[in-house]
């Protein structure tokens, strides 16, 4: 079952009752987008030896512009009980584990001045207290902002609208006066003046999708993506990508989603040779990519799923095999959707040159978020496809088995261990 436009219409109607902002699809996700996003940090970016991560990132702005990035995803900017930023404490305090508020403003300005839009990592599912479990300050929220079924047994709000998160106080997003208004104010009067124009919503399975849509619209997001990371059953792939479709529909098509389905399929293909999984029954790319590519944000690994500075460190919860990372990029950077590149792969894994070559091929061919894909092979040991961009065609293959595009006019653009990309 594919995503339903009826669900999207209902979500938009519901949204109109809860916010004065009109539901709208972010411009970067309205189709035919050439966006390529950098995840501008990794799990260890906030460690004690890097107290000025923002300045480290600042030193690479010129090079990242030359590579062709259009967006950069920043780590959570607010004060947090965890240095990585994912236990937000004082939302309006923008000095944290990655640097000071002034450093943040400086690096965001540097990116935006170079034509690269800044995406804020927005953690609104939960907050922690300043001195105790439930004293939520700056902005000050009462325990009516905490869901009634939180572990603290202190919440006076409504029941949670999603899964619980035990490390912090789950926030009641039905609360209009404190929570909805407070988040909108934070987005518009704390983050927007820094220069942020996009949103990455953390842990969206923890609260109702309509609220993500409401906040994205209140902010006027140019780009929006949600982290809906759920268990993948390889024997029921459609159910997994349908969850992603339902979430996007639930936002009123006001926010896209990371394509965790494609991520899991790449994991299996690159580890076990099951490249056949990358084609669905209708002949399209499997995953969210095959059903709603304009809204699908693809990636190889991120700060949670993969290693950080080298193979084996960092979170490493759901990584592709370290030796097959470039195969993953050959796939996501040649295909539709909005691809994401992980910072340490460029600067710690020494993959800047091959990643740059793939990005250049995508750009020259004019491959966009909604370019057509004609899958040529999807079998054990081989996946091959031809992608039609706005200017030229790309042919690509990944896997140990040999393949090259038929016919004249194809010129090899870049290749490496078990991958190759041609242009016509």
Foldseek 3Di string as FASTA:
>chain_A
DFFDVVLLVVLQVVLVVQAVFHFDAFQCLPDLHLAAEAALAFQCCLPPVQQAQLVVSLVCLVVVVVLPHQEYEYFAQAAAPDQSNQAHAQLLARAGSNGHPVSLLVSQVSNVVSNHAYEHEDEQQFHAYDVHRAQRVNPGDHLLQFDCPAPVNSHPHHHWAADYDNVGGGTDLVDRPPRLVVLLCSLAPRVVVSRHQHYEYEPVRRHFLCSQLSSLSSNVHNAAEYEDDDDADLVCLVVVQVVQSSSCSNSSVHHAYEFVSVLLVLQCCQVPQQQLSLADPVRAGGTVLRRRLSRYEYEQDHNQCAAALDHPHGNNNNHRPPVCSLVSLLVVLQGAHHYYDYVNVVVRVVCVVVSSLSNVVCVQQQHYNDWDKGWDDGGRFKTWIWTHHPHWIKIKMFGDDDDDDDDPDWDWRDDDDRMTMTID
